[in-house]
């Protein structure tokens, strides 16, 4: 798991790939052409990044006729999150077990930033749900 995770984190060391993941996470599945339009880079560049992300199993695709929509692979991202939580020292997760100390006071600002990040993410999820519900009508 650790060797696989280190390869995934190397793949995520490129800003454009992070932007692609964020875009797919917030907007749902889309094709390379739409991603290139939104990011302002060539479709060929997006395709190369998607190839690397797909090889790392961070995104998946399923051909639908001529269109190939890409989506994040939530299982792989969840595995990354679990690994990061194991090594995280910011206090963003309740790590205190019986007989262990609570997270340090110095981590209060880290926790507040984490709370703000979660609020932003929740807002994006709500927007995505509303968008999807609008499509069903």
N, C-alpha and C. Protein backbone atom coordinates (compact mmCIF):
# COMPACT_ATOMS: atom_id res chain seq x y z
N UNK A 1 0.83 -1.21 0.00
CA UNK A 1 0.00 0.00 0.00
C UNK A 1 0.87 1.26 0.00
N UNK A 2 1.95 1.27 0.79
CA UNK A 2 2.78 2.46 0.91
C UNK A 2 3.50 2.74 -0.41
N UNK A 3 4.03 1.70 -1.05
CA UNK A 3 4.72 1.90 -2.33
C UNK A 3 3.74 2.42 -3.38
N UNK A 4 2.54 1.85 -3.41
CA UNK A 4 1.52 2.31 -4.35
C UNK A 4 1.15 3.76 -4.05
N UNK A 5 1.02 4.09 -2.76
CA UNK A 5 0.67 5.46 -2.37
C UNK A 5 1.76 6.44 -2.76
N UNK A 6 3.02 6.05 -2.61
CA UNK A 6 4.10 6.98 -2.96
C UNK A 6 4.08 7.28 -4.46
N UNK A 7 3.73 6.30 -5.27
CA UNK A 7 3.62 6.54 -6.72
C UNK A 7 2.45 7.48 -7.01
N UNK A 8 1.35 7.29 -6.31
CA UNK A 8 0.19 8.17 -6.49
C UNK A 8 0.55 9.60 -6.12
N UNK A 9 1.26 9.77 -5.01
CA UNK A 9 1.63 11.12 -4.58
C UNK A 9 2.61 11.76 -5.56
N UNK A 10 3.44 10.97 -6.21
CA UNK A 10 4.32 11.52 -7.26
C UNK A 10 3.48 12.04 -8.42
N UNK A 11 2.48 11.27 -8.80
CA UNK A 11 1.58 11.69 -9.89
C UNK A 11 0.89 13.00 -9.51
N UNK A 12 0.52 13.14 -8.25
CA UNK A 12 -0.18 14.34 -7.80
C UNK A 12 0.78 15.51 -7.55
N UNK A 13 2.04 15.32 -7.83
CA UNK A 13 3.02 16.39 -7.67
C UNK A 13 3.00 17.41 -8.81
N UNK A 14 2.08 17.25 -9.75
CA UNK A 14 1.96 18.16 -10.89
C UNK A 14 0.68 18.96 -10.71
N UNK A 15 0.81 20.30 -10.68
CA UNK A 15 -0.34 21.18 -10.42
C UNK A 15 -1.51 20.92 -11.35
N UNK A 16 -1.24 20.72 -12.62
CA UNK A 16 -2.33 20.52 -13.59
C UNK A 16 -3.14 19.28 -13.24
N UNK A 17 -2.49 18.25 -12.77
CA UNK A 17 -3.21 17.02 -12.42
C UNK A 17 -4.10 17.25 -11.20
N UNK A 18 -3.60 18.04 -10.26
CA UNK A 18 -4.43 18.39 -9.10
C UNK A 18 -5.65 19.18 -9.57
N UNK A 19 -5.45 20.11 -10.50
CA UNK A 19 -6.56 20.90 -11.02
C UNK A 19 -7.59 20.01 -11.73
N UNK A 20 -7.11 19.02 -12.45
CA UNK A 20 -8.02 18.09 -13.13
C UNK A 20 -8.84 17.32 -12.11
N UNK A 21 -8.18 16.82 -11.08
CA UNK A 21 -8.88 16.08 -10.02
C UNK A 21 -9.92 16.98 -9.36
N UNK A 22 -9.54 18.21 -9.03
CA UNK A 22 -10.47 19.14 -8.38
C UNK A 22 -11.66 19.43 -9.30
N UNK A 23 -11.39 19.61 -10.58
CA UNK A 23 -12.45 19.89 -11.54
C UNK A 23 -13.43 18.72 -11.64
N UNK A 24 -12.90 17.52 -11.75
CA UNK A 24 -13.76 16.34 -11.83
C UNK A 24 -14.53 16.12 -10.53
N UNK A 25 -13.89 16.43 -9.44
CA UNK A 25 -14.55 16.27 -8.14
C UNK A 25 -15.71 17.24 -7.98
N UNK A 26 -15.51 18.48 -8.40
CA UNK A 26 -16.54 19.50 -8.21
C UNK A 26 -17.61 19.48 -9.30
N UNK A 27 -17.25 19.08 -10.52
CA UNK A 27 -18.19 19.17 -11.64
C UNK A 27 -18.69 17.84 -12.16
N UNK A 28 -18.09 16.75 -11.71
CA UNK A 28 -18.51 15.45 -12.21
C UNK A 28 -17.79 15.07 -13.49
N UNK A 29 -18.17 13.93 -14.05
CA UNK A 29 -17.49 13.41 -15.25
C UNK A 29 -17.53 14.39 -16.42
N UNK A 30 -16.42 14.44 -17.15
CA UNK A 30 -16.36 15.25 -18.36
C UNK A 30 -15.25 14.75 -19.27
N UNK A 31 -15.32 15.16 -20.52
CA UNK A 31 -14.34 14.75 -21.52
C UNK A 31 -13.11 15.63 -21.52
N UNK A 32 -12.10 15.16 -22.21
CA UNK A 32 -10.82 15.88 -22.28
C UNK A 32 -10.98 17.27 -22.90
N UNK A 33 -11.84 17.39 -23.90
CA UNK A 33 -12.02 18.68 -24.56
C UNK A 33 -12.59 19.72 -23.59
N UNK A 34 -13.59 19.33 -22.82
CA UNK A 34 -14.20 20.26 -21.86
C UNK A 34 -13.19 20.63 -20.77
N UNK A 35 -12.42 19.66 -20.31
CA UNK A 35 -11.39 19.93 -19.29
C UNK A 35 -10.38 20.93 -19.85
N UNK A 36 -9.97 20.72 -21.11
CA UNK A 36 -8.97 21.63 -21.70
C UNK A 36 -9.52 23.05 -21.82
N UNK A 37 -10.80 23.17 -22.16
CA UNK A 37 -11.42 24.50 -22.25
C UNK A 37 -11.43 25.19 -20.88
N UNK A 38 -11.80 24.45 -19.86
CA UNK A 38 -11.92 25.02 -18.52
C UNK A 38 -10.56 25.37 -17.91
N UNK A 39 -9.53 24.59 -18.25
CA UNK A 39 -8.20 24.84 -17.69
C UNK A 39 -7.34 25.73 -18.58
N UNK A 40 -7.77 25.94 -19.82
CA UNK A 40 -7.02 26.80 -20.73
C UNK A 40 -5.73 26.18 -21.22
N UNK A 41 -5.73 24.85 -21.39
CA UNK A 41 -4.57 24.16 -21.96
C UNK A 41 -5.06 23.29 -23.10
N UNK A 42 -4.13 22.78 -23.90
CA UNK A 42 -4.52 22.00 -25.07
C UNK A 42 -5.15 20.67 -24.68
N UNK A 43 -5.99 20.18 -25.58
CA UNK A 43 -6.62 18.88 -25.36
C UNK A 43 -5.56 17.78 -25.31
N UNK A 44 -4.50 17.92 -26.10
CA UNK A 44 -3.42 16.92 -26.10
C UNK A 44 -2.74 16.88 -24.73
N UNK A 45 -2.50 18.05 -24.13
CA UNK A 45 -1.88 18.09 -22.81
C UNK A 45 -2.79 17.44 -21.77
N UNK A 46 -4.07 17.76 -21.84
CA UNK A 46 -5.04 17.17 -20.90
C UNK A 46 -5.06 15.65 -21.07
N UNK A 47 -5.06 15.19 -22.31
CA UNK A 47 -5.07 13.75 -22.57
C UNK A 47 -3.87 13.05 -21.94
N UNK A 48 -2.70 13.69 -22.04
CA UNK A 48 -1.50 13.10 -21.43
C UNK A 48 -1.62 13.04 -19.91
N UNK A 49 -2.13 14.12 -19.30
CA UNK A 49 -2.32 14.11 -17.85
C UNK A 49 -3.36 13.06 -17.44
N UNK A 50 -4.43 12.96 -18.21
CA UNK A 50 -5.46 11.96 -17.91
C UNK A 50 -4.91 10.54 -18.02
N UNK A 51 -4.03 10.32 -18.99
CA UNK A 51 -3.41 9.00 -19.15
C UNK A 51 -2.61 8.64 -17.89
N UNK A 52 -1.84 9.59 -17.37
CA UNK A 52 -1.05 9.35 -16.16
C UNK A 52 -1.98 9.13 -14.96
N UNK A 53 -3.01 9.98 -14.84
CA UNK A 53 -3.96 9.85 -13.73
C UNK A 53 -4.71 8.51 -13.79
N UNK A 54 -5.05 8.08 -15.00
CA UNK A 54 -5.75 6.82 -15.16
C UNK A 54 -4.83 5.64 -14.80
N UNK A 55 -3.59 5.72 -15.23
CA UNK A 55 -2.62 4.67 -14.90
C UNK A 55 -2.44 4.54 -13.38
N UNK A 56 -2.50 5.66 -12.68
CA UNK A 56 -2.38 5.66 -11.22
C UNK A 56 -3.73 5.33 -10.55
N UNK A 57 -4.74 5.09 -11.36
CA UNK A 57 -6.10 4.76 -10.90
C UNK A 57 -6.76 5.89 -10.11
N UNK A 58 -6.35 7.11 -10.38
CA UNK A 58 -6.98 8.27 -9.74
C UNK A 58 -8.22 8.72 -10.50
N UNK A 59 -8.26 8.41 -11.80
CA UNK A 59 -9.45 8.67 -12.61
C UNK A 59 -9.80 7.40 -13.37
N UNK A 60 -11.05 7.33 -13.78
CA UNK A 60 -11.51 6.20 -14.58
C UNK A 60 -12.29 6.76 -15.76
N UNK A 61 -12.45 5.96 -16.78
CA UNK A 61 -13.22 6.40 -17.94
C UNK A 61 -13.99 5.21 -18.49
N UNK A 62 -15.07 5.56 -19.16
CA UNK A 62 -15.89 4.54 -19.81
C UNK A 62 -16.44 5.15 -21.09
N UNK A 63 -16.04 4.58 -22.20
CA UNK A 63 -16.44 5.12 -23.50
C UNK A 63 -17.96 5.07 -23.65
N UNK A 64 -18.50 6.20 -24.13
CA UNK A 64 -19.93 6.29 -24.44
C UNK A 64 -20.05 6.80 -25.87
N UNK A 65 -19.99 5.86 -26.81
CA UNK A 65 -19.96 6.23 -28.23
C UNK A 65 -18.63 6.88 -28.55
N UNK A 66 -18.68 8.12 -29.08
CA UNK A 66 -17.45 8.85 -29.38
C UNK A 66 -16.92 9.61 -28.17
N UNK A 67 -17.72 9.75 -27.16
CA UNK A 67 -17.37 10.55 -25.99
C UNK A 67 -16.77 9.65 -24.91
N UNK A 68 -15.68 10.10 -24.31
CA UNK A 68 -15.06 9.36 -23.21
C UNK A 68 -15.06 10.27 -21.99
N UNK A 69 -16.05 10.11 -21.11
CA UNK A 69 -16.07 10.93 -19.89
C UNK A 69 -15.10 10.36 -18.85
N UNK A 70 -14.38 11.25 -18.20
CA UNK A 70 -13.46 10.87 -17.13
C UNK A 70 -14.09 11.29 -15.81
N UNK A 71 -13.87 10.46 -14.80
CA UNK A 71 -14.38 10.75 -13.45
C UNK A 71 -13.31 10.34 -12.45
N UNK A 72 -13.37 10.94 -11.27
CA UNK A 72 -12.40 10.54 -10.25
C UNK A 72 -12.72 9.12 -9.78
N UNK A 73 -11.69 8.41 -9.38
CA UNK A 73 -11.87 7.09 -8.78
C UNK A 73 -11.90 7.29 -7.28
N UNK A 74 -13.08 7.30 -6.73
CA UNK A 74 -13.26 7.64 -5.32
C UNK A 74 -12.60 6.63 -4.38
N UNK A 75 -12.51 5.37 -4.79
CA UNK A 75 -11.87 4.37 -3.93
C UNK A 75 -10.38 4.67 -3.76
N UNK A 76 -9.71 5.00 -4.85
CA UNK A 76 -8.28 5.31 -4.78
C UNK A 76 -8.05 6.57 -3.96
N UNK A 77 -8.88 7.60 -4.18
CA UNK A 77 -8.72 8.83 -3.39
C UNK A 77 -9.00 8.58 -1.91
N UNK A 78 -9.95 7.72 -1.62
CA UNK A 78 -10.23 7.38 -0.22
C UNK A 78 -9.04 6.66 0.41
N UNK A 79 -8.41 5.77 -0.35
CA UNK A 79 -7.22 5.08 0.16
C UNK A 79 -6.09 6.07 0.46
N UNK A 80 -5.95 7.10 -0.38
CA UNK A 80 -4.95 8.14 -0.14
C UNK A 80 -5.28 8.91 1.14
N UNK A 81 -6.56 9.23 1.30
CA UNK A 81 -6.99 9.96 2.50
C UNK A 81 -6.71 9.15 3.76
N UNK A 82 -7.01 7.87 3.71
CA UNK A 82 -6.78 7.01 4.87
C UNK A 82 -5.29 7.00 5.22
N UNK A 83 -4.44 6.87 4.22
CA UNK A 83 -2.99 6.86 4.46
C UNK A 83 -2.54 8.19 5.06
N UNK A 84 -3.02 9.30 4.50
CA UNK A 84 -2.64 10.61 5.04
C UNK A 84 -3.13 10.79 6.47
N UNK A 85 -4.32 10.31 6.76
CA UNK A 85 -4.83 10.40 8.14
C UNK A 85 -3.94 9.64 9.13
N UNK A 86 -3.38 8.54 8.66
CA UNK A 86 -2.50 7.76 9.54
C UNK A 86 -1.24 8.53 9.91
N UNK A 87 -0.74 9.35 8.97
CA UNK A 87 0.52 10.04 9.23
C UNK A 87 0.32 11.51 9.61
N UNK A 88 -0.92 11.99 9.54
CA UNK A 88 -1.21 13.40 9.80
C UNK A 88 -0.95 13.76 11.26
N UNK A 89 -0.32 14.88 11.48
CA UNK A 89 -0.02 15.34 12.83
C UNK A 89 -0.69 16.67 13.16
N UNK A 90 -1.59 17.13 12.30
CA UNK A 90 -2.18 18.46 12.50
C UNK A 90 -3.33 18.45 13.49
N UNK A 91 -3.79 17.27 13.90
CA UNK A 91 -4.90 17.23 14.84
C UNK A 91 -6.25 17.29 14.16
N UNK A 92 -6.31 17.09 12.85
CA UNK A 92 -7.58 17.19 12.13
C UNK A 92 -8.45 15.96 12.34
N UNK A 93 -7.91 14.97 13.01
CA UNK A 93 -8.65 13.74 13.24
C UNK A 93 -8.46 13.37 14.70
N UNK A 94 -9.48 12.83 15.31
CA UNK A 94 -9.38 12.43 16.71
C UNK A 94 -8.44 11.25 16.82
N UNK A 95 -7.21 11.51 17.25
CA UNK A 95 -6.21 10.45 17.35
C UNK A 95 -5.98 10.02 18.79
N UNK A 96 -6.63 10.70 19.73
CA UNK A 96 -6.39 10.38 21.14
C UNK A 96 -7.14 9.12 21.53
N UNK A 97 -6.39 8.12 21.95
CA UNK A 97 -6.99 6.89 22.45
C UNK A 97 -6.88 6.87 23.96
N UNK A 98 -7.27 5.79 24.60
CA UNK A 98 -7.19 5.70 26.06
C UNK A 98 -5.76 5.95 26.54
N UNK A 99 -5.60 6.87 27.45
CA UNK A 99 -4.29 7.17 28.02
C UNK A 99 -3.43 8.08 27.18
N UNK A 100 -3.91 8.48 26.01
CA UNK A 100 -3.14 9.38 25.16
C UNK A 100 -3.63 10.80 25.36
N UNK A 101 -2.75 11.74 25.08
CA UNK A 101 -3.11 13.15 25.23
C UNK A 101 -3.99 13.60 24.07
N UNK A 102 -4.79 14.62 24.34
CA UNK A 102 -5.58 15.25 23.28
C UNK A 102 -4.63 15.99 22.36
N UNK A 103 -5.05 16.32 21.14
CA UNK A 103 -4.19 17.11 20.24
C UNK A 103 -3.74 18.40 20.93
N UNK A 104 -2.52 18.83 20.61
CA UNK A 104 -1.94 20.01 21.24
C UNK A 104 -2.72 21.27 20.90
N UNK A 105 -2.67 22.26 21.83
CA UNK A 105 -3.32 23.55 21.63
C UNK A 105 -2.81 24.23 20.38
N UNK A 106 -1.53 24.07 20.06
CA UNK A 106 -0.95 24.71 18.88
C UNK A 106 -1.61 24.28 17.58
N UNK A 107 -2.36 23.19 17.64
CA UNK A 107 -3.03 22.68 16.46
C UNK A 107 -4.40 23.32 16.24
N UNK A 108 -4.80 24.21 17.12
CA UNK A 108 -6.12 24.82 17.03
C UNK A 108 -6.32 25.52 15.69
N UNK A 109 -5.34 26.27 15.24
CA UNK A 109 -5.49 26.96 13.95
C UNK A 109 -5.55 25.95 12.81
N UNK A 110 -4.79 24.87 12.90
CA UNK A 110 -4.86 23.82 11.88
C UNK A 110 -6.26 23.22 11.83
N UNK A 111 -6.85 23.00 13.00
CA UNK A 111 -8.20 22.46 13.06
C UNK A 111 -9.21 23.44 12.47
N UNK A 112 -9.04 24.71 12.75
CA UNK A 112 -9.95 25.72 12.20
C UNK A 112 -9.84 25.78 10.68
N UNK A 113 -8.62 25.70 10.17
CA UNK A 113 -8.43 25.70 8.71
C UNK A 113 -9.06 24.44 8.11
N UNK A 114 -8.91 23.32 8.78
CA UNK A 114 -9.52 22.08 8.32
C UNK A 114 -11.05 22.21 8.30
N UNK A 115 -11.60 22.85 9.31
CA UNK A 115 -13.04 23.09 9.38
C UNK A 115 -13.50 23.94 8.19
N UNK A 116 -12.74 24.99 7.88
CA UNK A 116 -13.07 25.85 6.74
C UNK A 116 -13.00 25.06 5.42
N UNK A 117 -11.99 24.21 5.32
CA UNK A 117 -11.83 23.39 4.12
C UNK A 117 -13.01 22.44 3.96
N UNK A 118 -13.43 21.83 5.05
CA UNK A 118 -14.58 20.94 5.00
C UNK A 118 -15.86 21.69 4.62
N UNK A 119 -16.01 22.91 5.13
CA UNK A 119 -17.18 23.72 4.79
C UNK A 119 -17.20 24.04 3.30
N UNK A 120 -16.02 24.37 2.73
CA UNK A 120 -15.94 24.64 1.29
C UNK A 120 -16.30 23.38 0.49
N UNK A 121 -15.79 22.25 0.94
CA UNK A 121 -16.06 21.01 0.24
C UNK A 121 -17.55 20.65 0.33
N UNK A 122 -18.15 20.84 1.48
CA UNK A 122 -19.56 20.56 1.65
C UNK A 122 -20.41 21.44 0.73
N UNK A 123 -20.00 22.68 0.59
CA UNK A 123 -20.70 23.61 -0.31
C UNK A 123 -20.64 23.09 -1.75
N UNK A 124 -19.46 22.62 -2.18
CA UNK A 124 -19.32 22.07 -3.53
C UNK A 124 -20.18 20.83 -3.73
N UNK A 125 -20.24 19.98 -2.71
CA UNK A 125 -21.06 18.77 -2.79
C UNK A 125 -22.53 19.15 -2.92
N UNK A 126 -22.96 20.12 -2.13
CA UNK A 126 -24.36 20.56 -2.21
C UNK A 126 -24.68 21.13 -3.59
N UNK A 127 -23.75 21.92 -4.15
CA UNK A 127 -23.96 22.48 -5.49
C UNK A 127 -24.06 21.37 -6.53
N UNK A 128 -23.21 20.38 -6.38
CA UNK A 128 -23.21 19.27 -7.33
C UNK A 128 -24.52 18.48 -7.24
N UNK A 129 -25.02 18.27 -6.02
CA UNK A 129 -26.29 17.57 -5.83
C UNK A 129 -27.42 18.36 -6.48
N UNK A 130 -27.44 19.67 -6.23
CA UNK A 130 -28.48 20.52 -6.82
C UNK A 130 -28.42 20.47 -8.34
N UNK A 131 -27.21 20.49 -8.90
CA UNK A 131 -27.04 20.44 -10.34
C UNK A 131 -27.56 19.12 -10.89
N UNK A 132 -27.24 18.02 -10.21
CA UNK A 132 -27.69 16.71 -10.66
C UNK A 132 -29.20 16.55 -10.52
N UNK A 133 -29.76 17.09 -9.45
CA UNK A 133 -31.21 17.03 -9.28
C UNK A 133 -31.91 17.86 -10.35
N UNK A 134 -31.30 18.97 -10.75
CA UNK A 134 -31.85 19.80 -11.81
C UNK A 134 -31.88 19.07 -13.15
N UNK A 135 -30.91 18.21 -13.40
CA UNK A 135 -30.85 17.44 -14.65
C UNK A 135 -31.96 16.40 -14.71
N UNK A 136 -32.36 15.87 -13.55
CA UNK A 136 -33.36 14.80 -13.50
C UNK A 136 -34.76 15.32 -13.77
N UNK A 137 -34.98 16.60 -13.57
CA UNK A 137 -36.33 17.17 -13.74
C UNK A 137 -36.72 17.30 -15.17
